[in-house]
Amino acid sequence: LHDLVMHAPIAIAVLRGPRHVFELVNEPYGALAPYPDLVGKSIDDIDGDGRRRAMLDEVRRTGQPLTLVEHPVTADWSRTGQATTRYFDVRIQPLP
């Protein structure tokens, strides 16, 4: 899993446990993330309004994947204090 994630050409992060702690973050995901050094952090460390946690909790609870198309994410992408919105296609896939 580690090699697959780390060498994938698309942005991938692996989160584990009920706190959704970032275990793996590949370079494309890290380049997109508005927060540095995600590995070891919980989703709660970066989720201001709880929406990300709610989606992850639902996937964990049901075991069903979630696909979001053109999902808006507002953040300080350039780390300058100016928040902007970007749109992403997202797949949250539960791991066994």
PDB file of N, CA and C in Angstrom:
ATOM      1  N   LEU A   1       0.828  -1.192   0.000  1.00  0.00           N
ATOM      2  CA  LEU A   1       0.000   0.000   0.000  1.00  0.00           C
ATOM      3  C   LEU A   1       0.871   1.254   0.000  1.00  0.00           C
ATOM      4  N   HIS A   2       1.912   1.227   0.793  1.00  0.00           N
ATOM      5  CA  HIS A   2       2.795   2.384   0.888  1.00  0.00           C
ATOM      6  C   HIS A   2       3.367   2.761  -0.473  1.00  0.00           C
ATOM      7  N   ASP A   3       3.941   1.799  -1.188  1.00  0.00           N
ATOM      8  CA  ASP A   3       4.539   2.085  -2.493  1.00  0.00           C
ATOM      9  C   ASP A   3       3.496   2.542  -3.504  1.00  0.00           C
ATOM     10  N   LEU A   4       2.327   1.917  -3.484  1.00  0.00           N
ATOM     11  CA  LEU A   4       1.253   2.295  -4.394  1.00  0.00           C
ATOM     12  C   LEU A   4       0.851   3.753  -4.178  1.00  0.00           C
ATOM     13  N   VAL A   5       0.641   4.135  -2.934  1.00  0.00           N
ATOM     14  CA  VAL A   5       0.243   5.506  -2.607  1.00  0.00           C
ATOM     15  C   VAL A   5       1.348   6.491  -2.953  1.00  0.00           C
ATOM     16  N   MET A   6       2.556   6.187  -2.537  1.00  0.00           N
ATOM     17  CA  MET A   6       3.643   7.149  -2.694  1.00  0.00           C
ATOM     18  C   MET A   6       4.053   7.361  -4.152  1.00  0.00           C
ATOM     19  N   HIS A   7       3.785   6.406  -5.019  1.00  0.00           N
ATOM     20  CA  HIS A   7       4.161   6.539  -6.427  1.00  0.00           C
ATOM     21  C   HIS A   7       2.983   6.862  -7.345  1.00  0.00           C
ATOM     22  N   ALA A   8       1.812   7.034  -6.790  1.00  0.00           N
ATOM     23  CA  ALA A   8       0.634   7.349  -7.606  1.00  0.00           C
ATOM     24  C   ALA A   8       0.737   8.768  -8.164  1.00  0.00           C
ATOM     25  N   PRO A   9       0.297   8.973  -9.399  1.00  0.00           N
ATOM     26  CA  PRO A   9       0.360  10.312  -9.996  1.00  0.00           C
ATOM     27  C   PRO A   9      -0.793  11.227  -9.578  1.00  0.00           C
ATOM     28  N   ILE A  10      -1.727  10.700  -8.788  1.00  0.00           N
ATOM     29  CA  ILE A  10      -2.846  11.511  -8.306  1.00  0.00           C
ATOM     30  C   ILE A  10      -2.715  11.700  -6.800  1.00  0.00           C
ATOM     31  N   ALA A  11      -3.402  12.693  -6.270  1.00  0.00           N
ATOM     32  CA  ALA A  11      -3.332  13.011  -4.846  1.00  0.00           C
ATOM     33  C   ALA A  11      -4.030  11.934  -4.020  1.00  0.00           C
ATOM     34  N   ILE A  12      -3.278  11.335  -3.085  1.00  0.00           N
ATOM     35  CA  ILE A  12      -3.834  10.297  -2.212  1.00  0.00           C
ATOM     36  C   ILE A  12      -3.341  10.521  -0.785  1.00  0.00           C
ATOM     37  N   ALA A  13      -4.269  10.358   0.155  1.00  0.00           N
ATOM     38  CA  ALA A  13      -3.930  10.350   1.573  1.00  0.00           C
ATOM     39  C   ALA A  13      -4.614   9.144   2.195  1.00  0.00           C
ATOM     40  N   VAL A  14      -3.952   8.523   3.146  1.00  0.00           N
ATOM     41  CA  VAL A  14      -4.519   7.402   3.887  1.00  0.00           C
ATOM     42  C   VAL A  14      -4.689   7.859   5.328  1.00  0.00           C
ATOM     43  N   LEU A  15      -5.930   7.771   5.805  1.00  0.00           N
ATOM     44  CA  LEU A  15      -6.242   8.134   7.181  1.00  0.00           C
ATOM     45  C   LEU A  15      -6.700   6.882   7.905  1.00  0.00           C
ATOM     46  N   ARG A  16      -6.354   6.756   9.172  1.00  0.00           N
ATOM     47  CA  ARG A  16      -6.704   5.549   9.930  1.00  0.00           C
ATOM     48  C   ARG A  16      -7.340   5.900  11.272  1.00  0.00           C
ATOM     49  N   GLY A  17      -8.176   4.984  11.723  1.00  0.00           N
ATOM     50  CA  GLY A  17      -8.736   5.046  13.065  1.00  0.00           C
ATOM     51  C   GLY A  17      -9.910   5.996  13.203  1.00  0.00           C
ATOM     52  N   PRO A  18     -10.554   5.954  14.351  1.00  0.00           N
ATOM     53  CA  PRO A  18     -11.746   6.773  14.579  1.00  0.00           C
ATOM     54  C   PRO A  18     -11.455   8.270  14.613  1.00  0.00           C
ATOM     55  N   ARG A  19     -10.206   8.646  14.837  1.00  0.00           N
ATOM     56  CA  ARG A  19      -9.827  10.069  14.811  1.00  0.00           C
ATOM     57  C   ARG A  19      -9.394  10.498  13.417  1.00  0.00           C
ATOM     58  N   HIS A  20      -9.340   9.562  12.469  1.00  0.00           N
ATOM     59  CA  HIS A  20      -8.939   9.855  11.086  1.00  0.00           C
ATOM     60  C   HIS A  20      -7.579  10.558  11.059  1.00  0.00           C
ATOM     61  N   VAL A  21      -6.564   9.835  11.499  1.00  0.00           N
ATOM     62  CA  VAL A  21      -5.199  10.366  11.545  1.00  0.00           C
ATOM     63  C   VAL A  21      -4.513  10.079  10.210  1.00  0.00           C
ATOM     64  N   PHE A  22      -3.877  11.100   9.643  1.00  0.00           N
ATOM     65  CA  PHE A  22      -3.153  10.941   8.383  1.00  0.00           C
ATOM     66  C   PHE A  22      -1.963  10.012   8.602  1.00  0.00           C
ATOM     67  N   GLU A  23      -1.983   8.892   7.883  1.00  0.00           N
ATOM     68  CA  GLU A  23      -0.907   7.906   7.973  1.00  0.00           C
ATOM     69  C   GLU A  23       0.067   8.041   6.809  1.00  0.00           C
ATOM     70  N   LEU A  24      -0.464   8.242   5.621  1.00  0.00           N
ATOM     71  CA  LEU A  24       0.351   8.436   4.420  1.00  0.00           C
ATOM     72  C   LEU A  24      -0.207   9.613   3.635  1.00  0.00           C
ATOM     73  N   VAL A  25       0.692  10.411   3.090  1.00  0.00           N
ATOM     74  CA  VAL A  25       0.315  11.524   2.212  1.00  0.00           C
ATOM     75  C   VAL A  25       1.332  11.539   1.087  1.00  0.00           C
ATOM     76  N   ASN A  26       0.861  11.326  -0.147  1.00  0.00           N
ATOM     77  CA  ASN A  26       1.838  11.344  -1.233  1.00  0.00           C
ATOM     78  C   ASN A  26       2.127  12.773  -1.680  1.00  0.00           C
ATOM     79  N   GLU A  27       3.125  12.920  -2.547  1.00  0.00           N
ATOM     80  CA  GLU A  27       3.580  14.250  -2.954  1.00  0.00           C
ATOM     81  C   GLU A  27       2.480  15.063  -3.631  1.00  0.00           C
ATOM     82  N   PRO A  28       1.692  14.485  -4.560  1.00  0.00           N
ATOM     83  CA  PRO A  28       0.619  15.292  -5.150  1.00  0.00           C
ATOM     84  C   PRO A  28      -0.402  15.790  -4.121  1.00  0.00           C
ATOM     85  N   TYR A  29      -0.726  14.980  -3.128  1.00  0.00           N
ATOM     86  CA  TYR A  29      -1.662  15.419  -2.094  1.00  0.00           C
ATOM     87  C   TYR A  29      -1.021  16.512  -1.239  1.00  0.00           C
ATOM     88  N   GLY A  30       0.225  16.293  -0.858  1.00  0.00           N
ATOM     89  CA  GLY A  30       0.938  17.289  -0.057  1.00  0.00           C
ATOM     90  C   GLY A  30       1.047  18.628  -0.759  1.00  0.00           C
ATOM     91  N   ALA A  31       1.224  18.594  -2.083  1.00  0.00           N
ATOM     92  CA  ALA A  31       1.330  19.834  -2.857  1.00  0.00           C
ATOM     93  C   ALA A  31      -0.004  20.582  -2.885  1.00  0.00           C
ATOM     94  N   LEU A  32      -1.116  19.854  -2.814  1.00  0.00           N
ATOM     95  CA  LEU A  32      -2.438  20.481  -2.820  1.00  0.00           C
ATOM     96  C   LEU A  32      -2.892  20.927  -1.437  1.00  0.00           C
ATOM     97  N   ALA A  33      -2.430  20.254  -0.417  1.00  0.00           N
ATOM     98  CA  ALA A  33      -2.924  20.502   0.937  1.00  0.00           C
ATOM     99  C   ALA A  33      -2.538  21.900   1.418  1.00  0.00           C
ATOM    100  N   PRO A  34      -3.496  22.633   1.967  1.00  0.00           N
ATOM    101  CA  PRO A  34      -3.183  23.960   2.477  1.00  0.00           C
ATOM    102  C   PRO A  34      -2.512  23.925   3.853  1.00  0.00           C
ATOM    103  N   TYR A  35      -2.266  22.718   4.362  1.00  0.00           N
ATOM    104  CA  TYR A  35      -1.654  22.551   5.679  1.00  0.00           C
ATOM    105  C   TYR A  35      -0.381  21.727   5.526  1.00  0.00           C
ATOM    106  N   PRO A  36       0.730  22.188   6.069  1.00  0.00           N
ATOM    107  CA  PRO A  36       1.974  21.423   5.950  1.00  0.00           C
ATOM    108  C   PRO A  36       2.010  20.247   6.928  1.00  0.00           C
ATOM    109  N   ASP A  37       2.833  19.270   6.602  1.00  0.00           N
ATOM    110  CA  ASP A  37       3.131  18.168   7.522  1.00  0.00           C
ATOM    111  C   ASP A  37       1.878  17.497   8.090  1.00  0.00           C
ATOM    112  N   LEU A  38       1.077  16.903   7.231  1.00  0.00           N
ATOM    113  CA  LEU A  38      -0.172  16.283   7.668  1.00  0.00           C
ATOM    114  C   LEU A  38       0.007  14.957   8.389  1.00  0.00           C
ATOM    115  N   VAL A  39       1.044  14.206   8.078  1.00  0.00           N
ATOM    116  CA  VAL A  39       1.230  12.883   8.676  1.00  0.00           C
ATOM    117  C   VAL A  39       1.280  13.007  10.198  1.00  0.00           C
ATOM    118  N   GLY A  40       0.428  12.208  10.849  1.00  0.00           N
ATOM    119  CA  GLY A  40       0.344  12.220  12.306  1.00  0.00           C
ATOM    120  C   GLY A  40      -0.736  13.145  12.850  1.00  0.00           C
ATOM    121  N   LYS A  41      -1.291  14.004  11.993  1.00  0.00           N
ATOM    122  CA  LYS A  41      -2.357  14.897  12.431  1.00  0.00           C
ATOM    123  C   LYS A  41      -3.708  14.228  12.212  1.00  0.00           C
ATOM    124  N   SER A  42      -4.662  14.605  13.044  1.00  0.00           N
ATOM    125  CA  SER A  42      -6.032  14.142  12.908  1.00  0.00           C
ATOM    126  C   SER A  42      -6.790  15.091  11.981  1.00  0.00           C
ATOM    127  N   ILE A  43      -7.861  14.601  11.383  1.00  0.00           N
ATOM    128  CA  ILE A  43      -8.699  15.468  10.562  1.00  0.00           C
ATOM    129  C   ILE A  43      -9.206  16.642  11.393  1.00  0.00           C
ATOM    130  N   ASP A  44      -9.381  16.442  12.693  1.00  0.00           N
ATOM    131  CA  ASP A  44      -9.840  17.526  13.569  1.00  0.00           C
ATOM    132  C   ASP A  44      -8.840  18.671  13.640  1.00  0.00           C
ATOM    133  N   ASP A  45      -7.568  18.388  13.374  1.00  0.00           N
ATOM    134  CA  ASP A  45      -6.545  19.433  13.411  1.00  0.00           C
ATOM    135  C   ASP A  45      -6.689  20.421  12.254  1.00  0.00           C
ATOM    136  N   ILE A  46      -7.377  20.009  11.189  1.00  0.00           N
ATOM    137  CA  ILE A  46      -7.481  20.874  10.012  1.00  0.00           C
ATOM    138  C   ILE A  46      -8.918  21.158   9.590  1.00  0.00           C
ATOM    139  N   ASP A  47      -9.889  20.549  10.244  1.00  0.00           N
ATOM    140  CA  ASP A  47     -11.289  20.664   9.824  1.00  0.00           C
ATOM    141  C   ASP A  47     -12.009  21.661  10.711  1.00  0.00           C
ATOM    142  N   GLY A  48     -12.118  22.893  10.247  1.00  0.00           N
ATOM    143  CA  GLY A  48     -12.706  23.950  11.051  1.00  0.00           C
ATOM    144  C   GLY A  48     -14.192  23.800  11.328  1.00  0.00           C
ATOM    145  N   ASP A  49     -14.948  23.277  10.368  1.00  0.00           N
ATOM    146  CA  ASP A  49     -16.399  23.226  10.552  1.00  0.00           C
ATOM    147  C   ASP A  49     -16.954  21.820  10.755  1.00  0.00           C
ATOM    148  N   GLY A  50     -16.103  20.797  10.726  1.00  0.00           N
ATOM    149  CA  GLY A  50     -16.547  19.433  10.985  1.00  0.00           C
ATOM    150  C   GLY A  50     -17.115  18.694   9.794  1.00  0.00           C
ATOM    151  N   ARG A  51     -17.172  19.346   8.629  1.00  0.00           N
ATOM    152  CA  ARG A  51     -17.753  18.679   7.451  1.00  0.00           C
ATOM    153  C   ARG A  51     -16.908  17.506   6.981  1.00  0.00           C
ATOM    154  N   ARG A  52     -15.592  17.668   6.979  1.00  0.00           N
ATOM    155  CA  ARG A  52     -14.730  16.563   6.534  1.00  0.00           C
ATOM    156  C   ARG A  52     -14.858  15.378   7.490  1.00  0.00           C
ATOM    157  N   ARG A  53     -14.859  15.669   8.787  1.00  0.00           N
ATOM    158  CA  ARG A  53     -14.988  14.598   9.776  1.00  0.00           C
ATOM    159  C   ARG A  53     -16.304  13.859   9.591  1.00  0.00           C
ATOM    160  N   ALA A  54     -17.381  14.589   9.357  1.00  0.00           N
ATOM    161  CA  ALA A  54     -18.692  13.961   9.191  1.00  0.00           C
ATOM    162  C   ALA A  54     -18.690  13.006   7.997  1.00  0.00           C
ATOM    163  N   MET A  55     -18.069  13.418   6.895  1.00  0.00           N
ATOM    164  CA  MET A  55     -18.000  12.530   5.725  1.00  0.00           C
ATOM    165  C   MET A  55     -17.169  11.285   6.037  1.00  0.00           C
ATOM    166  N   LEU A  56     -16.023  11.477   6.672  1.00  0.00           N
ATOM    167  CA  LEU A  56     -15.159  10.342   7.010  1.00  0.00           C
ATOM    168  C   LEU A  56     -15.843   9.410   8.008  1.00  0.00           C
ATOM    169  N   ASP A  57     -16.530   9.986   9.003  1.00  0.00           N
ATOM    170  CA  ASP A  57     -17.265   9.168   9.980  1.00  0.00           C
ATOM    171  C   ASP A  57     -18.325   8.314   9.292  1.00  0.00           C
ATOM    172  N   GLU A  58     -19.025   8.904   8.322  1.00  0.00           N
ATOM    173  CA  GLU A  58     -20.087   8.178   7.615  1.00  0.00           C
ATOM    174  C   GLU A  58     -19.512   7.012   6.814  1.00  0.00           C
ATOM    175  N   VAL A  59     -18.404   7.239   6.116  1.00  0.00           N
ATOM    176  CA  VAL A  59     -17.767   6.163   5.352  1.00  0.00           C
ATOM    177  C   VAL A  59     -17.275   5.076   6.297  1.00  0.00           C
ATOM    178  N   ARG A  60     -16.695   5.473   7.410  1.00  0.00           N
ATOM    179  CA  ARG A  60     -16.211   4.486   8.400  1.00  0.00           C
ATOM    180  C   ARG A  60     -17.377   3.691   8.975  1.00  0.00           C
ATOM    181  N   ARG A  61     -18.485   4.357   9.280  1.00  0.00           N
ATOM    182  CA  ARG A  61     -19.649   3.704   9.884  1.00  0.00           C
ATOM    183  C   ARG A  61     -20.318   2.730   8.921  1.00  0.00           C
ATOM    184  N   THR A  62     -20.508   3.153   7.672  1.00  0.00           N
ATOM    185  CA  THR A  62     -21.258   2.335   6.713  1.00  0.00           C
ATOM    186  C   THR A  62     -20.388   1.356   5.934  1.00  0.00           C
ATOM    187  N   GLY A  63     -19.094   1.671   5.810  1.00  0.00           N
ATOM    188  CA  GLY A  63     -18.218   0.850   4.979  1.00  0.00           C
ATOM    189  C   GLY A  63     -18.430   1.081   3.493  1.00  0.00           C
ATOM    190  N   GLN A  64     -19.232   2.093   3.155  1.00  0.00           N
ATOM    191  CA  GLN A  64     -19.535   2.413   1.755  1.00  0.00           C
ATOM    192  C   GLN A  64     -18.678   3.590   1.289  1.00  0.00           C
ATOM    193  N   PRO A  65     -18.093   3.487   0.092  1.00  0.00           N
ATOM    194  CA  PRO A  65     -17.307   4.603  -0.435  1.00  0.00           C
ATOM    195  C   PRO A  65     -18.183   5.822  -0.726  1.00  0.00           C
ATOM    196  N   LEU A  66     -17.555   6.964  -0.770  1.00  0.00           N
ATOM    197  CA  LEU A  66     -18.246   8.215  -1.069  1.00  0.00           C
ATOM    198  C   LEU A  66     -17.497   8.907  -2.197  1.00  0.00           C
ATOM    199  N   THR A  67     -18.221   9.334  -3.228  1.00  0.00           N
ATOM    200  CA  THR A  67     -17.636  10.067  -4.340  1.00  0.00           C
ATOM    201  C   THR A  67     -18.261  11.451  -4.401  1.00  0.00           C
ATOM    202  N   LEU A  68     -17.423  12.470  -4.471  1.00  0.00           N
ATOM    203  CA  LEU A  68     -17.869  13.851  -4.573  1.00  0.00           C
ATOM    204  C   LEU A  68     -17.308  14.429  -5.867  1.00  0.00           C
ATOM    205  N   VAL A  69     -18.149  15.054  -6.653  1.00  0.00           N
ATOM    206  CA  VAL A  69     -17.730  15.649  -7.920  1.00  0.00           C
ATOM    207  C   VAL A  69     -17.772  17.171  -7.787  1.00  0.00           C
ATOM    208  N   GLU A  70     -16.680  17.792  -8.167  1.00  0.00           N
ATOM    209  CA  GLU A  70     -16.542  19.245  -8.077  1.00  0.00           C
ATOM    210  C   GLU A  70     -16.908  19.744  -6.678  1.00  0.00           C
ATOM    211  N   HIS A  71     -16.331  19.093  -5.683  1.00  0.00           N
ATOM    212  CA  HIS A  71     -16.575  19.426  -4.277  1.00  0.00           C
ATOM    213  C   HIS A  71     -15.782  20.683  -3.909  1.00  0.00           C
ATOM    214  N   PRO A  72     -16.465  21.742  -3.417  1.00  0.00           N
ATOM    215  CA  PRO A  72     -15.750  22.979  -3.075  1.00  0.00           C
ATOM    216  C   PRO A  72     -14.997  22.854  -1.751  1.00  0.00           C
ATOM    217  N   VAL A  73     -13.768  23.314  -1.752  1.00  0.00           N
ATOM    218  CA  VAL A  73     -12.958  23.365  -0.535  1.00  0.00           C
ATOM    219  C   VAL A  73     -12.366  24.769  -0.440  1.00  0.00           C
ATOM    220  N   THR A  74     -12.712  25.465   0.630  1.00  0.00           N
ATOM    221  CA  THR A  74     -12.207  26.813   0.847  1.00  0.00           C
ATOM    222  C   THR A  74     -11.103  26.752   1.886  1.00  0.00           C
ATOM    223  N   ALA A  75      -9.948  27.295   1.528  1.00  0.00           N
ATOM    224  CA  ALA A  75      -8.796  27.261   2.427  1.00  0.00           C
ATOM    225  C   ALA A  75      -7.812  28.341   2.009  1.00  0.00           C
ATOM    226  N   ASP A  76      -6.816  28.529   2.838  1.00  0.00           N
ATOM    227  CA  ASP A  76      -5.721  29.454   2.541  1.00  0.00           C
ATOM    228  C   ASP A  76      -4.649  28.674   1.785  1.00  0.00           C
ATOM    229  N   TRP A  77      -4.902  28.421   0.517  1.00  0.00           N
ATOM    230  CA  TRP A  77      -4.055  27.555  -0.304  1.00  0.00           C
ATOM    231  C   TRP A  77      -2.621  28.067  -0.421  1.00  0.00           C
ATOM    232  N   SER A  78      -2.441  29.352  -0.489  1.00  0.00           N
ATOM    233  CA  SER A  78      -1.100  29.912  -0.664  1.00  0.00           C
ATOM    234  C   SER A  78      -0.456  30.296   0.664  1.00  0.00           C
ATOM    235  N   ARG A  79      -1.183  30.037   1.760  1.00  0.00           N
ATOM    236  CA  ARG A  79      -0.690  30.324   3.115  1.00  0.00           C
ATOM    237  C   ARG A  79      -0.317  31.799   3.278  1.00  0.00           C
ATOM    238  N   THR A  80      -1.197  32.667   2.763  1.00  0.00           N
ATOM    239  CA  THR A  80      -0.969  34.111   2.850  1.00  0.00           C
ATOM    240  C   THR A  80      -2.029  34.805   3.695  1.00  0.00           C
ATOM    241  N   GLY A  81      -2.989  34.056   4.211  1.00  0.00           N
ATOM    242  CA  GLY A  81      -4.073  34.643   4.977  1.00  0.00           C
ATOM    243  C   GLY A  81      -5.307  34.928   4.142  1.00  0.00           C
ATOM    244  N   GLN A  82      -5.255  34.620   2.853  1.00  0.00           N
ATOM    245  CA  GLN A  82      -6.371  34.857   1.945  1.00  0.00           C
ATOM    246  C   GLN A  82      -7.000  33.520   1.550  1.00  0.00           C
ATOM    247  N   ALA A  83      -8.219  33.267   2.002  1.00  0.00           N
ATOM    248  CA  ALA A  83      -8.910  32.023   1.670  1.00  0.00           C
ATOM    249  C   ALA A  83      -9.570  32.131   0.301  1.00  0.00           C
ATOM    250  N   THR A  84      -9.450  31.076  -0.475  1.00  0.00           N
ATOM    251  CA  THR A  84     -10.119  30.973  -1.769  1.00  0.00           C
ATOM    252  C   THR A  84     -10.723  29.575  -1.877  1.00  0.00           C
ATOM    253  N   THR A  85     -11.604  29.405  -2.842  1.00  0.00           N
ATOM    254  CA  THR A  85     -12.263  28.119  -3.034  1.00  0.00           C
ATOM    255  C   THR A  85     -11.706  27.432  -4.267  1.00  0.00           C
ATOM    256  N   ARG A  86     -11.404  26.148  -4.108  1.00  0.00           N
ATOM    257  CA  ARG A  86     -11.019  25.285  -5.221  1.00  0.00           C
ATOM    258  C   ARG A  86     -12.002  24.122  -5.246  1.00  0.00           C
ATOM    259  N   TYR A  87     -12.125  23.486  -6.413  1.00  0.00           N
ATOM    260  CA  TYR A  87     -13.079  22.395  -6.583  1.00  0.00           C
ATOM    261  C   TYR A  87     -12.331  21.106  -6.916  1.00  0.00           C
ATOM    262  N   PHE A  88     -12.725  20.025  -6.241  1.00  0.00           N
ATOM    263  CA  PHE A  88     -12.034  18.746  -6.389  1.00  0.00           C
ATOM    264  C   PHE A  88     -13.032  17.614  -6.602  1.00  0.00           C
ATOM    265  N   ASP A  89     -12.617  16.630  -7.374  1.00  0.00           N
ATOM    266  CA  ASP A  89     -13.315  15.349  -7.408  1.00  0.00           C
ATOM    267  C   ASP A  89     -12.650  14.498  -6.333  1.00  0.00           C
ATOM    268  N   VAL A  90     -13.450  13.960  -5.430  1.00  0.00           N
ATOM    269  CA  VAL A  90     -12.932  13.258  -4.255  1.00  0.00           C
ATOM    270  C   VAL A  90     -13.538  11.868  -4.183  1.00  0.00           C
ATOM    271  N   ARG A  91     -12.716  10.901  -3.822  1.00  0.00           N
ATOM    272  CA  ARG A  91     -13.195   9.537  -3.557  1.00  0.00           C
ATOM    273  C   ARG A  91     -12.702   9.166  -2.159  1.00  0.00           C
ATOM    274  N   ILE A  92     -13.638   8.900  -1.259  1.00  0.00           N
ATOM    275  CA  ILE A  92     -13.294   8.405   0.077  1.00  0.00           C
ATOM    276  C   ILE A  92     -13.610   6.926   0.081  1.00  0.00           C
ATOM    277  N   GLN A  93     -12.571   6.140   0.185  1.00  0.00           N
ATOM    278  CA  GLN A  93     -12.684   4.675   0.077  1.00  0.00           C
ATOM    279  C   GLN A  93     -12.321   4.059   1.425  1.00  0.00           C
ATOM    280  N   PRO A  94     -13.234   3.301   2.047  1.00  0.00           N
ATOM    281  CA  PRO A  94     -12.885   2.663   3.304  1.00  0.00           C
ATOM    282  C   PRO A  94     -11.869   1.552   3.100  1.00  0.00           C
ATOM    283  N   LEU A  95     -10.977   1.397   4.057  1.00  0.00           N
ATOM    284  CA  LEU A  95     -10.004   0.314   4.037  1.00  0.00           C
ATOM    285  C   LEU A  95     -10.463  -0.781   4.990  1.00  0.00           C
ATOM    286  N   PRO A  96     -10.149  -2.023   4.659  1.00  0.00           N
ATOM    287  CA  PRO A  96     -10.560  -3.114   5.561  1.00  0.00           C
ATOM    288  C   PRO A  96      -9.825  -3.058   6.885  1.00  0.00           C
TER     289      PRO A  96
END
